[in-house]
Each structure stands twice: as C-alpha cells, then as structure tokens.
Amino acid sequence: MSVTSTAAVAREPLWHLVYRYWFWGWLFRDVNAGDLLRQAAAWRHNVQQRAHLRVYMRRWCGALIVTGALAMAIETLAGARVAAAACYTLAVLCSVIQAFAGIAWAFLRSRDGASADGQPVHAVPERVRVEVAREHGRRTFPDA
C-alpha cells in the first residue's frame, strides 16, 4: 500500500466522527445473533463495553445543561419564547437519551458476572453449556 492510500483509509468522514462522539450503538454487539456461544461472547463484550457508557452520559449531561441554560437565557433576556421552546425541546431530548444510557448502564452492571450474593458466576451460562454439549453429543458434568 502506498502512503496516500493508507492515509485515505485511516481518514473517516466527519459525520462518522460526530455520530461516534454522540451515540454509543457502534460499541455493542447483537446478543441475539449466532449460536449460543457467539451470544455469550457478545454478552461478555457488551458488559465490558459498559464502561464507555459513562462517558456518553457525561456528554449528554453537558448538552442538557448547555441547552437548558441557553433556553433560560433566551427566555429571560430576549423574551423569545419560540426560540426558548426549541432549546427546551432539545434539553428534553438530551434528558431522554441520558435516561436511556443510564438504564442500559444499570442493566449491564446488574448482570456483569456476579450473582446476587457476590459470588462469581460462570462466563458461559449453564443453559449455553448444556445446549453446546447437546449439539456436540457430550455429557455435561456438574461443577466441582
């Protein structure tokens, strides 16, 4: 590969970077695709990627504060209610996205590989181990 083609491959379009900066969907894998082992691997991957959700929540919290403050400033200083309403609408959208990210983060945290009593659970759930063993004609043994 030449130097120019390497630079062209490494450069991403601006809209990709903006999308990746604000939205986190690209970080996670579909846990419903593939066989049971791939699903378990995707689940473990998603639990590991949970740490990045806090960064996205901070970004959206900042956007919420900025749009809310801008709306209040426009409403009190300029009296432009329509412009303030548009900023308030953006603030509400930021809070919805913030809530969605928080719920996803909490869901992945509650299922991150520890049981309710704090004991570690298997990386591959029992149902997956039984199904894989059944597919390959093997017996499963209870854990020691």
N, C-alpha and C. Protein backbone atom coordinates (compact mmCIF):
# COMPACT_ATOMS: atom_id res chain seq x y z
N MET A 1 0.83 -1.19 0.00
CA MET A 1 0.00 0.00 0.00
C MET A 1 0.87 1.24 0.00
N SER A 2 0.46 2.22 -0.75
CA SER A 2 1.22 3.47 -0.76
C SER A 2 0.82 4.33 0.43
N VAL A 3 1.57 5.36 0.66
CA VAL A 3 1.32 6.26 1.79
C VAL A 3 0.00 6.98 1.61
N THR A 4 -0.33 7.39 0.40
CA THR A 4 -1.57 8.13 0.19
C THR A 4 -2.79 7.25 0.40
N SER A 5 -2.74 6.01 -0.02
CA SER A 5 -3.90 5.14 0.18
C SER A 5 -4.06 4.77 1.65
N THR A 6 -2.98 4.65 2.40
CA THR A 6 -3.07 4.38 3.84
C THR A 6 -3.71 5.55 4.55
N ALA A 7 -3.32 6.77 4.18
CA ALA A 7 -3.91 7.96 4.80
C ALA A 7 -5.39 8.08 4.45
N ALA A 8 -5.75 7.70 3.24
CA ALA A 8 -7.15 7.79 2.83
C ALA A 8 -8.00 6.77 3.59
N VAL A 9 -7.45 5.60 3.85
CA VAL A 9 -8.18 4.59 4.59
C VAL A 9 -8.33 5.00 6.05
N ALA A 10 -7.31 5.62 6.62
CA ALA A 10 -7.33 6.00 8.03
C ALA A 10 -8.25 7.18 8.29
N ARG A 11 -8.53 8.00 7.31
CA ARG A 11 -9.37 9.18 7.49
C ARG A 11 -10.84 8.80 7.42
N GLU A 12 -11.58 9.18 8.45
CA GLU A 12 -13.01 8.92 8.48
C GLU A 12 -13.77 10.18 8.11
N PRO A 13 -14.95 10.05 7.53
CA PRO A 13 -15.75 11.25 7.26
C PRO A 13 -16.16 11.92 8.58
N LEU A 14 -16.39 13.20 8.52
CA LEU A 14 -16.74 13.96 9.71
C LEU A 14 -18.03 13.47 10.35
N TRP A 15 -19.01 13.11 9.53
CA TRP A 15 -20.28 12.67 10.10
C TRP A 15 -20.12 11.36 10.87
N HIS A 16 -19.17 10.49 10.48
CA HIS A 16 -18.88 9.28 11.26
C HIS A 16 -18.35 9.66 12.64
N LEU A 17 -17.43 10.60 12.66
CA LEU A 17 -16.85 11.00 13.94
C LEU A 17 -17.88 11.66 14.84
N VAL A 18 -18.75 12.47 14.28
CA VAL A 18 -19.80 13.11 15.08
C VAL A 18 -20.76 12.05 15.62
N TYR A 19 -21.12 11.10 14.78
CA TYR A 19 -22.00 10.02 15.23
C TYR A 19 -21.36 9.22 16.36
N ARG A 20 -20.10 8.87 16.20
CA ARG A 20 -19.41 8.09 17.23
C ARG A 20 -19.22 8.89 18.51
N TYR A 21 -19.11 10.20 18.41
CA TYR A 21 -18.93 11.04 19.58
C TYR A 21 -20.21 11.09 20.42
N TRP A 22 -21.37 11.13 19.77
CA TRP A 22 -22.62 11.30 20.50
C TRP A 22 -23.40 10.02 20.74
N PHE A 23 -23.26 9.01 19.91
CA PHE A 23 -24.08 7.80 20.03
C PHE A 23 -23.20 6.57 20.22
N TRP A 24 -23.63 5.65 21.06
CA TRP A 24 -22.82 4.53 21.51
C TRP A 24 -23.22 3.20 20.90
N GLY A 25 -24.16 3.15 20.01
CA GLY A 25 -24.63 1.89 19.46
C GLY A 25 -23.56 1.08 18.76
N TRP A 26 -22.57 1.74 18.20
CA TRP A 26 -21.50 1.06 17.47
C TRP A 26 -20.59 0.26 18.41
N LEU A 27 -20.64 0.53 19.71
CA LEU A 27 -19.76 -0.17 20.66
C LEU A 27 -20.24 -1.58 20.99
N PHE A 28 -21.52 -1.84 20.81
CA PHE A 28 -22.12 -3.07 21.31
C PHE A 28 -22.44 -4.05 20.19
N ARG A 29 -22.53 -5.31 20.56
CA ARG A 29 -22.85 -6.38 19.61
C ARG A 29 -24.24 -6.93 19.89
N ASP A 30 -24.84 -7.52 18.87
CA ASP A 30 -26.17 -8.10 18.99
C ASP A 30 -26.07 -9.45 19.71
N VAL A 31 -26.73 -9.57 20.85
CA VAL A 31 -26.66 -10.82 21.61
C VAL A 31 -27.68 -11.84 21.12
N ASN A 32 -28.48 -11.51 20.14
CA ASN A 32 -29.46 -12.45 19.61
C ASN A 32 -29.00 -13.11 18.31
N ALA A 33 -27.82 -12.75 17.83
CA ALA A 33 -27.33 -13.29 16.56
C ALA A 33 -26.36 -14.43 16.82
N GLY A 34 -26.41 -15.42 15.97
CA GLY A 34 -25.46 -16.52 16.05
C GLY A 34 -25.91 -17.62 16.99
N ASP A 35 -25.00 -18.60 17.17
CA ASP A 35 -25.31 -19.70 18.08
C ASP A 35 -25.11 -19.24 19.52
N LEU A 36 -25.31 -20.16 20.45
CA LEU A 36 -25.29 -19.79 21.87
C LEU A 36 -23.91 -19.33 22.34
N LEU A 37 -22.85 -19.90 21.80
CA LEU A 37 -21.52 -19.45 22.20
C LEU A 37 -21.24 -18.02 21.72
N ARG A 38 -21.68 -17.72 20.50
CA ARG A 38 -21.50 -16.35 19.99
C ARG A 38 -22.35 -15.37 20.79
N GLN A 39 -23.53 -15.80 21.19
CA GLN A 39 -24.38 -14.94 22.01
C GLN A 39 -23.74 -14.66 23.36
N ALA A 40 -23.15 -15.68 23.96
CA ALA A 40 -22.47 -15.49 25.25
C ALA A 40 -21.25 -14.58 25.09
N ALA A 41 -20.52 -14.75 23.98
CA ALA A 41 -19.36 -13.88 23.73
C ALA A 41 -19.81 -12.43 23.51
N ALA A 42 -20.91 -12.25 22.79
CA ALA A 42 -21.43 -10.90 22.57
C ALA A 42 -21.88 -10.27 23.89
N TRP A 43 -22.49 -11.07 24.75
CA TRP A 43 -22.92 -10.57 26.06
C TRP A 43 -21.71 -10.11 26.88
N ARG A 44 -20.67 -10.92 26.93
CA ARG A 44 -19.47 -10.55 27.68
C ARG A 44 -18.84 -9.28 27.09
N HIS A 45 -18.83 -9.18 25.78
CA HIS A 45 -18.31 -7.98 25.12
C HIS A 45 -19.12 -6.75 25.53
N ASN A 46 -20.44 -6.87 25.53
CA ASN A 46 -21.29 -5.75 25.89
C ASN A 46 -21.09 -5.32 27.34
N VAL A 47 -20.91 -6.30 28.22
CA VAL A 47 -20.67 -5.97 29.62
C VAL A 47 -19.35 -5.22 29.77
N GLN A 48 -18.35 -5.62 29.00
CA GLN A 48 -17.06 -4.91 29.06
C GLN A 48 -17.18 -3.49 28.49
N GLN A 49 -17.99 -3.32 27.48
CA GLN A 49 -18.15 -2.00 26.85
C GLN A 49 -19.00 -1.06 27.70
N ARG A 50 -19.63 -1.58 28.74
CA ARG A 50 -20.46 -0.78 29.62
C ARG A 50 -19.70 0.41 30.18
N ALA A 51 -18.41 0.26 30.41
CA ALA A 51 -17.61 1.33 30.99
C ALA A 51 -17.65 2.60 30.14
N HIS A 52 -17.80 2.46 28.84
CA HIS A 52 -17.81 3.63 27.96
C HIS A 52 -19.12 4.40 28.02
N LEU A 53 -20.18 3.78 28.53
CA LEU A 53 -21.46 4.47 28.59
C LEU A 53 -21.41 5.67 29.53
N ARG A 54 -20.59 5.62 30.55
CA ARG A 54 -20.48 6.75 31.47
C ARG A 54 -19.94 7.98 30.76
N VAL A 55 -19.03 7.79 29.82
CA VAL A 55 -18.50 8.92 29.06
C VAL A 55 -19.61 9.55 28.23
N TYR A 56 -20.40 8.71 27.57
CA TYR A 56 -21.51 9.22 26.77
C TYR A 56 -22.55 9.90 27.65
N MET A 57 -22.79 9.38 28.84
CA MET A 57 -23.75 10.01 29.75
C MET A 57 -23.25 11.39 30.17
N ARG A 58 -21.95 11.54 30.39
CA ARG A 58 -21.39 12.85 30.73
C ARG A 58 -21.56 13.83 29.56
N ARG A 59 -21.34 13.36 28.35
CA ARG A 59 -21.50 14.24 27.18
C ARG A 59 -22.94 14.73 27.07
N TRP A 60 -23.89 13.82 27.22
CA TRP A 60 -25.29 14.21 27.11
C TRP A 60 -25.72 15.06 28.29
N CYS A 61 -25.14 14.84 29.46
CA CYS A 61 -25.43 15.70 30.60
C CYS A 61 -24.94 17.12 30.34
N GLY A 62 -23.76 17.24 29.76
CA GLY A 62 -23.25 18.56 29.38
C GLY A 62 -24.15 19.23 28.35
N ALA A 63 -24.61 18.48 27.37
CA ALA A 63 -25.51 19.04 26.37
C ALA A 63 -26.83 19.46 27.00
N LEU A 64 -27.32 18.69 27.97
CA LEU A 64 -28.54 19.04 28.68
C LEU A 64 -28.37 20.35 29.44
N ILE A 65 -27.26 20.51 30.13
CA ILE A 65 -27.01 21.73 30.89
C ILE A 65 -26.89 22.94 29.97
N VAL A 66 -26.16 22.78 28.87
CA VAL A 66 -25.97 23.89 27.94
C VAL A 66 -27.29 24.30 27.29
N THR A 67 -28.07 23.33 26.81
CA THR A 67 -29.34 23.69 26.14
C THR A 67 -30.35 24.24 27.14
N GLY A 68 -30.37 23.71 28.35
CA GLY A 68 -31.27 24.25 29.37
C GLY A 68 -30.91 25.66 29.76
N ALA A 69 -29.62 25.92 29.96
CA ALA A 69 -29.17 27.27 30.31
C ALA A 69 -29.40 28.24 29.15
N LEU A 70 -29.16 27.80 27.94
CA LEU A 70 -29.40 28.64 26.78
C LEU A 70 -30.89 28.98 26.65
N ALA A 71 -31.75 28.02 26.90
CA ALA A 71 -33.18 28.26 26.83
C ALA A 71 -33.63 29.26 27.89
N MET A 72 -33.12 29.11 29.10
CA MET A 72 -33.48 30.05 30.17
C MET A 72 -32.96 31.45 29.85
N ALA A 73 -31.74 31.53 29.31
CA ALA A 73 -31.18 32.84 28.97
C ALA A 73 -31.99 33.50 27.85
N ILE A 74 -32.35 32.74 26.83
CA ILE A 74 -33.14 33.30 25.73
C ILE A 74 -34.50 33.76 26.22
N GLU A 75 -35.10 32.96 27.09
CA GLU A 75 -36.44 33.29 27.57
C GLU A 75 -36.43 34.53 28.46
N THR A 76 -35.46 34.64 29.36
CA THR A 76 -35.45 35.77 30.29
C THR A 76 -34.88 37.04 29.66
N LEU A 77 -33.81 36.92 28.89
CA LEU A 77 -33.15 38.11 28.36
C LEU A 77 -33.82 38.64 27.09
N ALA A 78 -34.16 37.76 26.18
CA ALA A 78 -34.70 38.21 24.90
C ALA A 78 -36.22 38.12 24.84
N GLY A 79 -36.81 37.28 25.66
CA GLY A 79 -38.26 37.11 25.62
C GLY A 79 -38.74 36.35 24.41
N ALA A 80 -37.85 35.70 23.72
CA ALA A 80 -38.21 34.93 22.52
C ALA A 80 -38.65 33.53 22.95
N ARG A 81 -39.94 33.37 23.07
CA ARG A 81 -40.47 32.11 23.59
C ARG A 81 -40.34 30.95 22.60
N VAL A 82 -40.44 31.23 21.34
CA VAL A 82 -40.33 30.16 20.34
C VAL A 82 -38.91 29.60 20.31
N ALA A 83 -37.93 30.47 20.33
CA ALA A 83 -36.53 30.02 20.35
C ALA A 83 -36.22 29.29 21.65
N ALA A 84 -36.77 29.80 22.76
CA ALA A 84 -36.57 29.13 24.04
C ALA A 84 -37.23 27.75 24.04
N ALA A 85 -38.41 27.66 23.43
CA ALA A 85 -39.10 26.37 23.36
C ALA A 85 -38.30 25.36 22.56
N ALA A 86 -37.64 25.82 21.50
CA ALA A 86 -36.80 24.91 20.71
C ALA A 86 -35.63 24.41 21.55
N CYS A 87 -35.03 25.29 22.34
CA CYS A 87 -33.92 24.86 23.21
C CYS A 87 -34.41 23.94 24.32
N TYR A 88 -35.60 24.24 24.87
CA TYR A 88 -36.17 23.35 25.89
C TYR A 88 -36.46 21.97 25.30
N THR A 89 -36.91 21.94 24.06
CA THR A 89 -37.17 20.65 23.40
C THR A 89 -35.88 19.86 23.25
N LEU A 90 -34.81 20.53 22.86
CA LEU A 90 -33.51 19.85 22.77
C LEU A 90 -33.05 19.35 24.14
N ALA A 91 -33.32 20.14 25.18
CA ALA A 91 -32.94 19.71 26.54
C ALA A 91 -33.72 18.48 26.96
N VAL A 92 -35.00 18.42 26.60
CA VAL A 92 -35.80 17.23 26.92
C VAL A 92 -35.28 16.02 26.16
N LEU A 93 -34.93 16.19 24.90
CA LEU A 93 -34.36 15.08 24.13
C LEU A 93 -33.04 14.61 24.74
N CYS A 94 -32.23 15.55 25.19
CA CYS A 94 -30.97 15.17 25.86
C CYS A 94 -31.25 14.37 27.12
N SER A 95 -32.27 14.76 27.87
CA SER A 95 -32.57 14.03 29.10
C SER A 95 -33.12 12.63 28.81
N VAL A 96 -33.86 12.47 27.72
CA VAL A 96 -34.35 11.14 27.34
C VAL A 96 -33.19 10.23 26.97
N ILE A 97 -32.26 10.74 26.18
CA ILE A 97 -31.10 9.94 25.79
C ILE A 97 -30.25 9.62 27.02
N GLN A 98 -30.12 10.60 27.92
CA GLN A 98 -29.39 10.38 29.16
C GLN A 98 -30.03 9.28 29.99
N ALA A 99 -31.35 9.29 30.10
CA ALA A 99 -32.06 8.25 30.86
C ALA A 99 -31.88 6.88 30.20
N PHE A 100 -31.96 6.84 28.89
CA PHE A 100 -31.78 5.57 28.17
C PHE A 100 -30.39 5.00 28.41
N ALA A 101 -29.37 5.84 28.35
CA ALA A 101 -28.00 5.38 28.59
C ALA A 101 -27.83 4.92 30.04
N GLY A 102 -28.44 5.63 30.96
CA GLY A 102 -28.36 5.24 32.37
C GLY A 102 -29.02 3.91 32.64
N ILE A 103 -30.15 3.68 32.02
CA ILE A 103 -30.84 2.39 32.18
C ILE A 103 -30.01 1.26 31.58
N ALA A 104 -29.45 1.49 30.40
CA ALA A 104 -28.60 0.47 29.78
C ALA A 104 -27.38 0.17 30.65
N TRP A 105 -26.77 1.22 31.18
CA TRP A 105 -25.60 1.04 32.05
C TRP A 105 -25.97 0.25 33.30
N ALA A 106 -27.09 0.58 33.92
CA ALA A 106 -27.52 -0.13 35.13
C ALA A 106 -27.87 -1.58 34.81
N PHE A 107 -28.51 -1.82 33.67
CA PHE A 107 -28.87 -3.19 33.28
C PHE A 107 -27.62 -4.03 33.08
N LEU A 108 -26.64 -3.50 32.38
CA LEU A 108 -25.41 -4.26 32.16
C LEU A 108 -24.61 -4.40 33.45
N ARG A 109 -24.71 -3.44 34.35
CA ARG A 109 -23.99 -3.53 35.62
C ARG A 109 -24.59 -4.61 36.50
N SER A 110 -25.91 -4.73 36.50
CA SER A 110 -26.56 -5.71 37.37
C SER A 110 -26.32 -7.14 36.89
N ARG A 111 -25.84 -7.30 35.69
CA ARG A 111 -25.61 -8.63 35.14
C ARG A 111 -24.18 -8.78 34.64
N ASP A 112 -23.23 -8.26 35.39
CA ASP A 112 -21.85 -8.24 34.92
C ASP A 112 -21.00 -9.42 35.36
N GLY A 113 -21.60 -10.50 35.74
CA GLY A 113 -20.82 -11.68 36.06
C GLY A 113 -20.77 -12.01 37.53
N ALA A 114 -21.51 -11.32 38.36
CA ALA A 114 -21.58 -11.64 39.77
C ALA A 114 -23.03 -11.92 40.14
N SER A 115 -23.23 -12.90 40.97
CA SER A 115 -24.58 -13.24 41.40
C SER A 115 -25.00 -12.27 42.50
N ALA A 116 -26.23 -12.42 42.98
CA ALA A 116 -26.76 -11.51 43.99
C ALA A 116 -25.97 -11.57 45.30
N ASP A 117 -25.40 -12.74 45.61
CA ASP A 117 -24.64 -12.87 46.86
C ASP A 117 -23.17 -12.51 46.68
N GLY A 118 -22.79 -12.00 45.51
CA GLY A 118 -21.42 -11.57 45.29
C GLY A 118 -20.48 -12.65 44.78
N GLN A 119 -20.95 -13.88 44.66
CA GLN A 119 -20.13 -14.96 44.16
C GLN A 119 -20.06 -14.88 42.63
N PRO A 120 -18.89 -15.13 42.06
CA PRO A 120 -18.80 -15.07 40.59
C PRO A 120 -19.59 -16.20 39.96
N VAL A 121 -20.17 -15.90 38.83
CA VAL A 121 -20.89 -16.92 38.08
C VAL A 121 -20.06 -17.30 36.87
N HIS A 122 -20.48 -18.32 36.16
CA HIS A 122 -19.73 -18.82 35.01
C HIS A 122 -19.75 -17.80 33.89
N ALA A 123 -18.66 -17.74 33.15
CA ALA A 123 -18.61 -16.86 31.99
C ALA A 123 -19.61 -17.31 30.94
N VAL A 124 -19.83 -18.62 30.85
CA VAL A 124 -20.82 -19.17 29.94
C VAL A 124 -21.96 -19.72 30.80
N PRO A 125 -23.18 -19.21 30.63
CA PRO A 125 -24.29 -19.68 31.44
C PRO A 125 -24.55 -21.18 31.28
N GLU A 126 -25.16 -21.76 32.28
CA GLU A 126 -25.43 -23.20 32.30
C GLU A 126 -26.25 -23.62 31.09
N ARG A 127 -27.24 -22.85 30.73
CA ARG A 127 -28.10 -23.24 29.60
C ARG A 127 -27.27 -23.31 28.32
N VAL A 128 -26.29 -22.42 28.15
CA VAL A 128 -25.44 -22.43 26.97
C VAL A 128 -24.55 -23.66 26.98
N ARG A 129 -23.97 -23.98 28.14
CA ARG A 129 -23.10 -25.15 28.22
C ARG A 129 -23.88 -26.43 27.91
N VAL A 130 -25.11 -26.53 28.39
CA VAL A 130 -25.93 -27.72 28.13
C VAL A 130 -26.27 -27.82 26.65
N GLU A 131 -26.66 -26.70 26.04
CA GLU A 131 -27.01 -26.71 24.62
C GLU A 131 -25.81 -27.07 23.74
N VAL A 132 -24.65 -26.52 24.03
CA VAL A 132 -23.46 -26.81 23.24
C VAL A 132 -23.07 -28.27 23.41
N ALA A 133 -23.15 -28.77 24.62
CA ALA A 133 -22.83 -30.18 24.85
C ALA A 133 -23.80 -31.08 24.10
N ARG A 134 -25.06 -30.70 24.09
CA ARG A 134 -26.06 -31.49 23.38
C ARG A 134 -25.81 -31.47 21.88
N GLU A 135 -25.40 -30.31 21.34
CA GLU A 135 -25.10 -30.21 19.91
C GLU A 135 -23.92 -31.09 19.52
N HIS A 136 -22.94 -31.24 20.42
CA HIS A 136 -21.75 -32.00 20.11
C HIS A 136 -21.80 -33.42 20.66
N GLY A 137 -22.93 -33.80 21.21
CA GLY A 137 -23.08 -35.18 21.69
C GLY A 137 -22.28 -35.50 22.94
N ARG A 138 -22.01 -34.51 23.79
CA ARG A 138 -21.25 -34.73 25.00
C ARG A 138 -22.15 -34.60 26.21
N ARG A 139 -21.67 -35.19 27.29
CA ARG A 139 -22.38 -35.03 28.56
C ARG A 139 -21.83 -33.83 29.29
N THR A 140 -22.67 -33.20 30.07
CA THR A 140 -22.20 -32.11 30.91
C THR A 140 -22.04 -32.62 32.32
N PHE A 141 -21.08 -32.11 33.02
CA PHE A 141 -20.82 -32.52 34.38
C PHE A 141 -21.10 -31.35 35.32
N PRO A 142 -21.60 -31.64 36.50
CA PRO A 142 -21.81 -30.53 37.44
C PRO A 142 -20.46 -29.94 37.86
N ASP A 143 -20.52 -28.69 38.24
CA ASP A 143 -19.30 -28.01 38.66
C ASP A 143 -18.83 -28.54 39.99
N ALA A 144 -17.50 -28.54 40.13
CA ALA A 144 -16.92 -29.00 41.39
C ALA A 144 -16.90 -27.91 42.41
